[in-house]
N, C-alpha and C. Protein backbone atom coordinates (compact mmCIF):
# COMPACT_ATOMS: atom_id res chain seq x y z
N UNK A 1 -18.01 -34.40 59.81
CA UNK A 1 -17.31 -33.35 59.00
C UNK A 1 -16.56 -32.19 59.02
N UNK A 2 -17.24 -31.15 59.12
CA UNK A 2 -16.32 -29.92 59.75
C UNK A 2 -16.83 -29.33 61.02
N UNK A 3 -16.22 -30.10 62.13
CA UNK A 3 -16.91 -30.05 63.80
C UNK A 3 -16.77 -28.79 63.81
N UNK A 4 -15.36 -27.79 63.30
CA UNK A 4 -15.51 -26.56 63.95
C UNK A 4 -16.45 -25.46 63.50
N UNK A 5 -17.28 -26.07 62.46
CA UNK A 5 -18.23 -24.92 61.94
C UNK A 5 -19.59 -25.09 63.15
N UNK A 6 -19.87 -23.55 63.57
CA UNK A 6 -21.28 -23.38 64.31
C UNK A 6 -22.50 -23.77 63.49
N UNK A 7 -22.44 -22.93 62.89
CA UNK A 7 -23.68 -22.65 61.77
C UNK A 7 -23.29 -22.31 60.38
N UNK A 8 -24.30 -23.08 59.78
CA UNK A 8 -24.46 -22.85 58.28
C UNK A 8 -25.65 -22.26 57.91
N UNK A 9 -25.90 -21.21 56.87
CA UNK A 9 -27.01 -20.65 56.44
C UNK A 9 -27.24 -21.07 55.15
N UNK A 10 -28.20 -21.67 54.96
CA UNK A 10 -28.68 -21.83 53.14
C UNK A 10 -29.60 -21.40 52.62
N UNK A 11 -29.35 -20.47 51.73
CA UNK A 11 -30.58 -19.61 51.14
C UNK A 11 -31.28 -20.55 50.23
N UNK A 12 -32.55 -20.54 50.13
CA UNK A 12 -33.10 -21.14 48.73
C UNK A 12 -34.27 -20.34 48.94
N UNK A 13 -34.74 -20.67 47.48
CA UNK A 13 -35.67 -19.74 46.47
C UNK A 13 -36.78 -20.79 46.14
N UNK A 14 -36.67 -22.18 46.36
CA UNK A 14 -38.40 -22.82 46.30
C UNK A 14 -37.86 -23.90 47.40
N UNK A 15 -38.97 -24.71 47.59
CA UNK A 15 -39.56 -25.57 48.22
C UNK A 15 -38.87 -26.79 47.66
N UNK A 16 -37.70 -27.63 48.12
CA UNK A 16 -37.19 -28.43 47.72
C UNK A 16 -36.46 -29.75 48.53
N UNK A 17 -37.50 -30.83 49.01
CA UNK A 17 -36.96 -31.80 50.09
C UNK A 17 -35.50 -32.15 49.70
N UNK A 18 -35.38 -32.41 48.63
CA UNK A 18 -33.94 -33.15 48.16
C UNK A 18 -32.77 -32.34 48.76
N UNK A 19 -32.61 -31.00 48.56
CA UNK A 19 -31.69 -30.58 49.38
C UNK A 19 -31.85 -30.05 50.36
N UNK A 20 -32.68 -29.88 51.31
CA UNK A 20 -33.23 -30.11 52.70
C UNK A 20 -32.68 -31.18 53.31
N UNK A 21 -33.10 -32.31 52.95
CA UNK A 21 -33.03 -33.41 53.32
C UNK A 21 -31.47 -33.85 53.75
N UNK A 22 -30.41 -33.24 52.79
CA UNK A 22 -29.19 -33.16 52.75
C UNK A 22 -28.40 -32.67 54.24
N UNK A 23 -29.23 -31.74 54.86
CA UNK A 23 -28.63 -30.57 55.65
C UNK A 23 -28.55 -31.10 56.99
N UNK A 24 -28.20 -30.76 58.11
CA UNK A 24 -27.70 -30.79 59.61
C UNK A 24 -28.35 -30.50 60.17
N UNK A 25 -28.48 -30.59 61.50
CA UNK A 25 -29.40 -29.44 62.74
C UNK A 25 -28.54 -28.32 62.90
N UNK A 26 -27.12 -28.32 62.39
CA UNK A 26 -26.71 -27.04 62.41
C UNK A 26 -26.51 -26.25 60.96
N UNK A 27 -27.71 -26.27 60.09
CA UNK A 27 -27.85 -25.49 59.15
C UNK A 27 -29.17 -24.90 59.49
N UNK A 28 -29.49 -23.59 59.05
CA UNK A 28 -30.56 -22.90 59.38
C UNK A 28 -31.32 -22.70 57.52
N UNK A 29 -32.35 -22.91 57.60
CA UNK A 29 -32.87 -22.55 55.97
C UNK A 29 -33.31 -20.92 55.84
N UNK A 30 -32.70 -20.33 55.20
CA UNK A 30 -33.63 -18.92 55.14
C UNK A 30 -34.12 -18.97 53.43
N UNK A 31 -35.53 -18.87 53.46
CA UNK A 31 -36.48 -18.56 52.44
C UNK A 31 -36.36 -17.45 51.89
N UNK A 32 -35.78 -17.00 50.68
CA UNK A 32 -36.02 -15.85 49.95
C UNK A 32 -36.32 -16.01 48.64
N UNK A 33 -37.81 -16.04 48.35
CA UNK A 33 -38.05 -15.87 47.15
C UNK A 33 -38.35 -14.41 46.32
N UNK A 34 -37.16 -14.31 46.17
CA UNK A 34 -37.30 -13.02 45.26
C UNK A 34 -37.76 -13.45 43.66
N UNK A 35 -38.03 -14.54 43.09
CA UNK A 35 -38.33 -14.64 41.63
C UNK A 35 -39.60 -14.33 41.49
N UNK A 36 -40.70 -14.32 42.80
CA UNK A 36 -42.08 -13.85 42.44
C UNK A 36 -42.32 -13.02 43.12
N UNK A 37 -43.42 -11.97 43.05
CA UNK A 37 -43.50 -10.62 43.62
C UNK A 37 -44.85 -10.85 44.96
N UNK A 38 -45.15 -11.94 44.21
CA UNK A 38 -46.44 -12.46 45.42
C UNK A 38 -45.75 -13.68 46.52
N UNK A 39 -46.42 -13.56 47.64
CA UNK A 39 -45.93 -14.26 49.08
C UNK A 39 -46.58 -15.27 48.69
N UNK A 40 -46.48 -16.46 48.39
CA UNK A 40 -47.14 -17.43 48.63
C UNK A 40 -46.97 -18.05 50.21
N UNK A 41 -47.72 -17.66 50.72
CA UNK A 41 -47.88 -18.31 52.46
C UNK A 41 -48.20 -19.64 52.61
N UNK A 42 -48.84 -20.09 52.01
CA UNK A 42 -48.91 -21.79 51.87
C UNK A 42 -47.45 -22.64 52.00
N UNK A 43 -46.71 -21.77 50.98
CA UNK A 43 -45.54 -22.67 50.51
C UNK A 43 -44.54 -22.50 51.71
N UNK A 44 -44.45 -21.40 52.44
CA UNK A 44 -43.75 -20.84 53.82
C UNK A 44 -44.31 -21.86 54.84
N UNK A 45 -45.48 -22.03 55.11
CA UNK A 45 -46.42 -23.05 56.45
C UNK A 45 -45.41 -24.26 55.61
N UNK A 46 -45.97 -24.89 54.76
CA UNK A 46 -45.31 -26.11 54.25
C UNK A 46 -43.81 -26.18 54.63
N UNK A 47 -43.15 -25.16 54.18
CA UNK A 47 -41.68 -25.45 54.22
C UNK A 47 -41.28 -25.27 55.98
N UNK A 48 -42.08 -24.88 56.74
CA UNK A 48 -41.91 -24.47 58.14
C UNK A 48 -42.17 -25.47 58.54
N UNK A 49 -43.41 -26.82 58.43
CA UNK A 49 -43.69 -27.77 58.88
C UNK A 49 -42.41 -28.71 58.41
N UNK A 50 -42.13 -28.62 57.55
CA UNK A 50 -41.04 -29.88 56.88
C UNK A 50 -39.87 -29.51 57.77
N UNK A 51 -39.34 -28.20 57.65
CA UNK A 51 -38.34 -27.96 58.59
C UNK A 51 -38.32 -28.34 60.11
N UNK A 52 -39.44 -28.08 60.54
CA UNK A 52 -39.61 -28.32 61.94
C UNK A 52 -39.71 -30.07 62.27
N UNK A 53 -40.30 -30.72 61.38
CA UNK A 53 -39.76 -32.08 61.25
C UNK A 53 -38.78 -32.88 61.30
N UNK A 54 -37.95 -32.07 60.59
CA UNK A 54 -36.27 -32.17 60.21
C UNK A 54 -35.46 -32.01 61.30
N UNK A 55 -36.04 -30.74 62.17
CA UNK A 55 -35.38 -30.10 63.23
C UNK A 55 -34.43 -29.01 62.82
N UNK A 56 -34.76 -28.58 61.97
CA UNK A 56 -33.80 -27.80 61.17
C UNK A 56 -34.59 -26.11 61.21
N UNK A 57 -33.96 -25.25 61.76
CA UNK A 57 -34.29 -23.98 62.35
C UNK A 57 -34.63 -23.02 60.65
N UNK A 58 -35.97 -22.53 60.51
CA UNK A 58 -36.29 -21.75 59.38
C UNK A 58 -36.61 -20.16 59.52
N UNK A 59 -35.76 -19.31 58.56
CA UNK A 59 -35.77 -17.89 58.80
C UNK A 59 -36.42 -17.59 57.31
N UNK A 60 -37.34 -16.46 57.35
CA UNK A 60 -37.88 -15.89 56.25
C UNK A 60 -37.28 -14.61 55.97
N UNK A 61 -36.96 -14.52 54.72
CA UNK A 61 -36.30 -12.94 54.14
C UNK A 61 -36.94 -11.76 54.03
N UNK A 62 -36.61 -10.80 54.13
CA UNK A 62 -37.47 -9.42 53.96
C UNK A 62 -38.93 -9.70 54.42
N UNK A 63 -39.34 -10.32 55.32
CA UNK A 63 -40.77 -9.92 55.79
C UNK A 63 -40.69 -10.01 57.27
N UNK A 64 -40.14 -9.52 57.97
CA UNK A 64 -40.10 -9.58 59.22
C UNK A 64 -41.65 -10.17 59.80
N UNK A 65 -42.82 -9.30 59.51
CA UNK A 65 -44.06 -9.23 60.25
C UNK A 65 -44.57 -10.52 59.83
N UNK A 66 -44.61 -11.05 58.85
CA UNK A 66 -44.71 -12.31 58.35
C UNK A 66 -43.96 -13.61 59.01
N UNK A 67 -42.71 -13.37 59.47
CA UNK A 67 -42.17 -14.26 60.15
C UNK A 67 -42.61 -14.34 61.40
N UNK A 68 -42.88 -13.17 61.88
CA UNK A 68 -43.30 -13.22 63.36
C UNK A 68 -44.97 -14.06 63.82
N UNK A 69 -45.64 -13.30 62.64
CA UNK A 69 -46.93 -13.94 62.50
C UNK A 69 -47.05 -15.46 62.21
N UNK A 70 -46.36 -15.82 61.60
CA UNK A 70 -46.01 -17.65 61.33
C UNK A 70 -45.32 -18.27 62.29
N UNK A 71 -44.65 -17.43 63.46
CA UNK A 71 -44.15 -17.96 64.75
C UNK A 71 -42.88 -18.91 64.04
N UNK A 72 -42.03 -18.42 63.10
CA UNK A 72 -40.80 -18.78 62.80
C UNK A 72 -39.67 -18.87 63.39
N UNK A 73 -38.60 -19.14 63.50
CA UNK A 73 -37.41 -18.98 64.07
C UNK A 73 -36.90 -17.79 63.97
N UNK A 74 -36.59 -16.90 63.08
CA UNK A 74 -36.05 -15.68 62.94
C UNK A 74 -36.55 -15.13 61.22
N UNK A 75 -35.54 -13.84 61.26
CA UNK A 75 -36.15 -13.45 59.91
C UNK A 75 -34.62 -12.60 59.35
N UNK A 76 -34.24 -12.59 58.35
CA UNK A 76 -33.41 -11.98 57.30
C UNK A 76 -33.34 -10.92 57.06
N UNK A 77 -32.88 -9.65 57.18
CA UNK A 77 -32.73 -8.60 56.47
C UNK A 77 -31.72 -8.47 55.59
N UNK A 78 -32.17 -8.34 54.04
CA UNK A 78 -31.30 -8.03 53.09
C UNK A 78 -30.54 -6.68 53.15
N UNK A 79 -29.24 -6.42 52.63
CA UNK A 79 -28.70 -5.29 52.53
C UNK A 79 -29.19 -4.14 51.93
N UNK A 80 -30.03 -4.33 51.14
CA UNK A 80 -31.02 -3.31 50.17
C UNK A 80 -31.79 -2.84 50.87
N UNK A 81 -32.39 -3.37 52.02
CA UNK A 81 -33.95 -3.15 53.00
C UNK A 81 -33.29 -2.13 54.30
N UNK A 82 -33.44 -0.89 54.47
CA UNK A 82 -32.98 0.00 55.27
C UNK A 82 -34.24 0.14 56.38
N UNK A 83 -35.31 -0.35 56.30
CA UNK A 83 -36.51 -0.44 56.83
C UNK A 83 -36.24 -0.50 58.18
N UNK A 84 -36.95 0.72 59.23
CA UNK A 84 -36.62 0.02 61.06
C UNK A 84 -37.80 -0.12 61.16
N UNK A 85 -39.06 -0.16 60.28
CA UNK A 85 -40.15 -0.65 61.32
C UNK A 85 -40.57 -1.69 62.05
N UNK A 86 -39.74 -2.65 62.16
CA UNK A 86 -39.60 -3.96 62.86
C UNK A 86 -39.32 -3.68 64.05
N UNK A 87 -38.61 -2.61 64.46
CA UNK A 87 -38.08 -2.12 65.80
C UNK A 87 -39.57 -2.22 66.74
N UNK A 88 -40.95 -1.84 65.92
CA UNK A 88 -41.95 -1.75 66.69
C UNK A 88 -42.71 -2.86 67.03
N UNK A 89 -42.50 -3.85 66.51
CA UNK A 89 -42.81 -5.25 66.67
C UNK A 89 -42.45 -5.94 68.18
N UNK A 90 -43.25 -6.67 68.38
CA UNK A 90 -43.05 -7.40 69.55
C UNK A 90 -43.08 -9.05 68.68
N UNK A 91 -41.93 -9.71 69.40
CA UNK A 91 -41.73 -11.32 68.70
C UNK A 91 -41.26 -11.79 70.15
N UNK A 92 -40.84 -13.61 70.35
CA UNK A 92 -40.65 -13.71 71.27
C UNK A 92 -38.99 -13.85 71.44
N UNK A 93 -38.55 -14.71 72.52
CA UNK A 93 -37.34 -14.21 72.70
C UNK A 93 -36.52 -14.97 72.20
N UNK A 94 -36.43 -16.00 71.73
CA UNK A 94 -35.84 -16.87 70.87
C UNK A 94 -35.90 -16.49 69.18
N UNK A 95 -36.56 -15.44 69.13
CA UNK A 95 -37.02 -14.95 67.32
C UNK A 95 -35.74 -14.22 67.27
N UNK A 96 -35.01 -14.59 66.12
CA UNK A 96 -33.34 -13.84 65.92
C UNK A 96 -33.81 -12.85 64.86
N UNK A 97 -32.79 -11.98 64.43
CA UNK A 97 -32.95 -11.33 63.25
C UNK A 97 -31.78 -11.29 62.74
N UNK A 98 -31.41 -11.34 61.49
CA UNK A 98 -30.07 -11.57 60.77
C UNK A 98 -29.92 -10.36 59.36
N UNK A 99 -28.92 -10.04 59.11
CA UNK A 99 -29.11 -9.02 58.17
C UNK A 99 -27.81 -9.01 57.32
N UNK A 100 -27.68 -9.00 56.00
CA UNK A 100 -26.25 -8.63 55.15
C UNK A 100 -26.14 -7.36 55.15
N UNK A 101 -24.68 -7.27 54.85
CA UNK A 101 -23.93 -5.68 54.57
C UNK A 101 -22.75 -6.01 53.76
N UNK A 102 -22.48 -5.50 53.17
CA UNK A 102 -21.40 -4.93 51.79
C UNK A 102 -20.31 -3.89 52.29
N UNK A 103 -20.75 -3.04 52.92
CA UNK A 103 -19.36 -1.82 53.50
C UNK A 103 -20.35 -1.36 55.00
N UNK A 104 -19.13 -0.56 55.18
CA UNK A 104 -19.15 0.01 56.70
C UNK A 104 -20.75 0.72 56.94
N UNK A 105 -21.17 1.62 55.78
CA UNK A 105 -22.46 2.18 55.77
C UNK A 105 -23.64 1.40 55.99
N UNK A 106 -23.70 0.16 55.39
CA UNK A 106 -24.74 -0.65 55.99
C UNK A 106 -24.27 -1.85 56.99
N UNK A 107 -23.31 -1.96 57.56
CA UNK A 107 -22.98 -2.11 58.57
C UNK A 107 -23.92 -1.69 59.74
N UNK A 108 -23.49 -0.15 59.91
CA UNK A 108 -24.05 0.67 60.84
C UNK A 108 -25.52 0.78 60.65
N UNK A 109 -26.11 0.66 59.16
CA UNK A 109 -27.63 0.12 59.10
C UNK A 109 -28.02 -1.00 59.89
N UNK A 110 -27.66 -1.88 59.60
CA UNK A 110 -27.52 -3.07 60.33
C UNK A 110 -27.77 -2.97 61.70
N UNK A 111 -26.79 -2.40 62.41
CA UNK A 111 -26.65 -2.19 63.82
C UNK A 111 -27.81 -1.33 64.42
N UNK A 112 -28.23 -0.52 63.50
CA UNK A 112 -29.48 0.39 63.77
C UNK A 112 -30.69 -0.20 64.17
N UNK A 113 -30.75 -1.52 62.83
CA UNK A 113 -31.75 -2.27 62.67
C UNK A 113 -31.90 -3.31 63.77
N UNK A 114 -30.75 -3.32 64.78
CA UNK A 114 -30.96 -4.19 65.88
C UNK A 114 -30.94 -5.82 65.37
N UNK A 115 -30.04 -6.13 64.37
CA UNK A 115 -29.59 -7.35 64.04
C UNK A 115 -28.84 -8.17 65.15
N UNK A 116 -29.16 -9.19 65.15
CA UNK A 116 -28.26 -10.37 65.94
C UNK A 116 -26.87 -10.51 65.33
N UNK A 117 -26.82 -10.83 64.19
CA UNK A 117 -25.83 -11.04 63.18
C UNK A 117 -25.75 -10.49 62.24
N UNK A 118 -24.34 -10.14 61.68
CA UNK A 118 -24.30 -9.56 60.25
C UNK A 118 -23.37 -10.22 59.21
N UNK A 119 -24.19 -10.46 58.04
CA UNK A 119 -23.62 -11.36 57.22
C UNK A 119 -23.06 -10.49 56.04
N UNK A 120 -21.60 -10.60 56.09
CA UNK A 120 -20.70 -9.66 55.33
C UNK A 120 -20.23 -10.58 54.16
N UNK A 121 -20.11 -9.65 52.89
CA UNK A 121 -20.19 -10.38 51.41
C UNK A 121 -19.20 -9.53 50.54
N UNK A 122 -18.54 -9.95 49.82
CA UNK A 122 -18.28 -11.80 49.94
C UNK A 122 -16.71 -11.63 49.94
N UNK A 123 -16.22 -12.79 51.16
CA UNK A 123 -15.25 -13.15 50.71
C UNK A 123 -14.55 -13.90 50.08
N UNK A 124 -14.84 -14.81 49.18
CA UNK A 124 -14.29 -15.45 48.55
C UNK A 124 -14.73 -15.14 46.67
N UNK A 125 -16.01 -14.99 46.89
CA UNK A 125 -17.12 -14.82 45.64
C UNK A 125 -16.32 -13.77 44.56
N UNK A 126 -15.95 -13.34 43.52
CA UNK A 126 -15.15 -12.46 42.93
C UNK A 126 -16.35 -11.63 42.21
N UNK A 127 -17.17 -11.14 43.02
CA UNK A 127 -18.27 -10.53 42.58
C UNK A 127 -18.11 -8.99 42.36
N UNK A 128 -19.00 -7.80 42.79
CA UNK A 128 -19.17 -6.52 42.78
C UNK A 128 -19.02 -6.10 44.56
N UNK A 129 -19.60 -7.27 45.16
CA UNK A 129 -19.50 -7.10 46.67
C UNK A 129 -17.93 -7.78 47.22
N UNK A 130 -17.01 -8.16 46.01
CA UNK A 130 -15.81 -9.12 46.42
C UNK A 130 -15.07 -8.25 47.69
N UNK A 131 -14.63 -8.87 48.97
CA UNK A 131 -13.81 -8.05 49.79
C UNK A 131 -12.53 -8.45 50.02
N UNK A 132 -12.15 -9.46 50.02
CA UNK A 132 -11.12 -10.66 50.11
C UNK A 132 -10.96 -10.69 51.62
N UNK A 133 -9.72 -11.26 51.94
CA UNK A 133 -9.53 -11.45 53.51
C UNK A 133 -9.29 -10.16 54.21
N UNK A 134 -8.47 -9.64 53.68
CA UNK A 134 -8.09 -7.99 54.72
C UNK A 134 -8.95 -7.34 55.02
N UNK A 135 -9.98 -7.26 54.08
CA UNK A 135 -10.89 -6.00 54.05
C UNK A 135 -12.34 -6.62 54.46
N UNK A 136 -12.44 -8.27 54.65
CA UNK A 136 -13.24 -8.92 55.20
C UNK A 136 -13.04 -8.37 57.07
N UNK A 137 -11.78 -8.78 57.19
CA UNK A 137 -11.43 -8.61 58.61
C UNK A 137 -11.74 -7.33 59.15
N UNK A 138 -10.94 -6.55 58.39
CA UNK A 138 -11.05 -4.71 58.76
C UNK A 138 -12.45 -4.79 59.23
N UNK A 139 -13.42 -4.84 57.99
CA UNK A 139 -14.48 -4.45 58.28
C UNK A 139 -15.45 -5.54 59.79
N UNK A 140 -14.81 -6.59 59.71
CA UNK A 140 -15.56 -7.36 60.60
C UNK A 140 -15.34 -6.85 62.09
N UNK A 141 -14.00 -6.26 62.15
CA UNK A 141 -13.59 -5.52 63.28
C UNK A 141 -14.60 -3.91 63.70
N UNK A 142 -15.10 -3.63 62.76
CA UNK A 142 -15.64 -2.32 63.00
C UNK A 142 -17.21 -2.51 63.74
N UNK A 143 -17.57 -3.85 63.66
CA UNK A 143 -18.70 -3.83 64.21
C UNK A 143 -18.70 -5.18 65.90
N UNK A 144 -19.41 -4.84 66.39
CA UNK A 144 -19.28 -5.72 67.77
C UNK A 144 -20.56 -6.95 67.59
N UNK A 145 -20.99 -7.11 66.50
CA UNK A 145 -21.84 -8.06 66.45
C UNK A 145 -21.17 -9.07 65.87
N UNK A 146 -21.99 -10.14 65.96
CA UNK A 146 -20.97 -11.56 65.28
C UNK A 146 -20.91 -11.56 63.77
N UNK A 147 -20.42 -11.59 63.09
CA UNK A 147 -19.93 -11.82 61.84
C UNK A 147 -20.45 -13.15 61.07
N UNK A 148 -20.75 -13.07 59.92
CA UNK A 148 -21.18 -14.29 59.36
C UNK A 148 -20.34 -14.33 57.56
N UNK A 149 -19.75 -15.22 57.58
CA UNK A 149 -19.59 -14.94 56.05
C UNK A 149 -20.16 -15.54 54.97
N UNK A 150 -20.56 -14.19 54.04
CA UNK A 150 -21.72 -14.41 52.82
C UNK A 150 -20.93 -14.67 51.58
N UNK A 151 -21.44 -15.97 50.81
CA UNK A 151 -20.65 -15.93 49.40
C UNK A 151 -19.54 -16.55 48.92
N UNK A 152 -19.03 -17.73 48.36
CA UNK A 152 -18.43 -17.83 47.53
C UNK A 152 -17.58 -19.54 48.27
N UNK A 153 -18.46 -19.51 49.52
CA UNK A 153 -17.89 -20.67 50.41
C UNK A 153 -18.31 -21.81 49.77
N UNK A 154 -16.81 -22.75 49.53
CA UNK A 154 -16.64 -23.86 49.08
C UNK A 154 -15.86 -24.82 50.03
N UNK A 155 -15.97 -26.38 49.38
CA UNK A 155 -15.45 -26.89 50.41
C UNK A 155 -13.64 -27.32 50.26
N UNK A 156 -13.51 -26.62 49.00
CA UNK A 156 -11.84 -26.52 48.96
C UNK A 156 -11.56 -25.02 50.09
N UNK A 157 -12.15 -24.06 50.03
CA UNK A 157 -11.79 -22.88 51.00
C UNK A 157 -12.30 -22.75 52.48
N UNK A 158 -13.12 -24.09 52.70
CA UNK A 158 -13.38 -24.26 54.16
C UNK A 158 -13.04 -23.81 55.24
N UNK A 159 -11.57 -24.18 55.04
CA UNK A 159 -10.06 -24.45 56.06
C UNK A 159 -9.77 -22.89 56.43
N UNK A 160 -9.99 -22.01 55.39
CA UNK A 160 -9.36 -20.47 55.77
C UNK A 160 -10.51 -20.14 56.69
N UNK A 161 -11.69 -20.43 56.66
CA UNK A 161 -12.60 -20.00 57.84
C UNK A 161 -12.08 -20.53 59.17
N UNK A 162 -11.66 -21.19 59.42
CA UNK A 162 -10.58 -21.58 60.79
C UNK A 162 -9.88 -20.39 61.23
N UNK A 163 -8.84 -20.27 60.12
CA UNK A 163 -7.60 -19.56 59.86
C UNK A 163 -7.65 -18.07 60.48
N UNK A 164 -9.40 -17.90 59.92
CA UNK A 164 -9.78 -16.37 60.32
C UNK A 164 -10.65 -16.04 61.45
N UNK A 165 -10.51 -17.28 62.04
CA UNK A 165 -11.49 -17.30 63.49
C UNK A 165 -13.16 -16.68 62.90
N UNK A 166 -13.59 -17.21 61.79
CA UNK A 166 -15.20 -17.13 61.75
C UNK A 166 -15.75 -18.63 61.39
N UNK A 167 -16.78 -19.11 62.58
CA UNK A 167 -16.97 -20.09 62.26
C UNK A 167 -18.43 -20.38 61.93
N UNK A 168 -18.86 -19.17 61.15
CA UNK A 168 -20.56 -19.41 60.73
C UNK A 168 -20.27 -18.68 59.27
N UNK A 169 -21.14 -19.29 58.19
CA UNK A 169 -21.22 -18.94 57.00
C UNK A 169 -22.63 -19.14 56.38
N UNK A 170 -22.77 -18.58 55.30
CA UNK A 170 -23.98 -18.61 54.41
C UNK A 170 -23.62 -18.87 52.87
N UNK A 171 -24.58 -19.36 52.20
CA UNK A 171 -24.37 -19.43 50.83
C UNK A 171 -25.54 -19.96 50.47
N UNK A 172 -25.43 -20.80 48.49
CA UNK A 172 -26.04 -21.40 48.41
C UNK A 172 -25.38 -22.40 47.36
N UNK A 173 -24.36 -22.56 47.05
CA UNK A 173 -23.84 -23.37 45.79
C UNK A 173 -23.00 -24.55 46.83
N UNK A 174 -22.77 -24.11 47.78
CA UNK A 174 -22.27 -25.00 49.03
C UNK A 174 -23.10 -26.11 49.31
N UNK A 175 -24.14 -25.93 49.13
CA UNK A 175 -25.17 -26.82 49.73
C UNK A 175 -25.85 -27.60 48.65
N UNK A 176 -25.33 -27.64 47.80
CA UNK A 176 -26.12 -28.00 46.42
C UNK A 176 -25.70 -28.89 45.66
């Protein structure tokens, strides 16, 4: 397929084996069930076991404490989460924390939160967080963290990723 891509991050809201089965080992599943206010730990455990069986990494969104408790591969901190309490937690060396940002202030917040990678939104999707290529490159040069494209990536615009030297992306619609 596109062998220059290192990692793809697939955001899911529910446990659906059909879409997960289509993913390769370079895809990381990020479970972010914002539709329900109650955390369904049993569903997260089932999803963890299923991803482990398929040899796919699994991250939990917006709940680092639960992600470490369940021994997941990592956690995702959304742009609206400015909490620093996770800096007091201890977790395994392979546990990764990633986060998203839309502007310089949020990038600096993610750096303070000590994320491993920053998801910058949105390069292609023309929404309220739309950056475009020039602003995306400008913002990505303002951090030393690895940058991942978030939002609007499709099979049509995938070649642009290589041109701007970004080899990781995150999204939903690309995978479905």
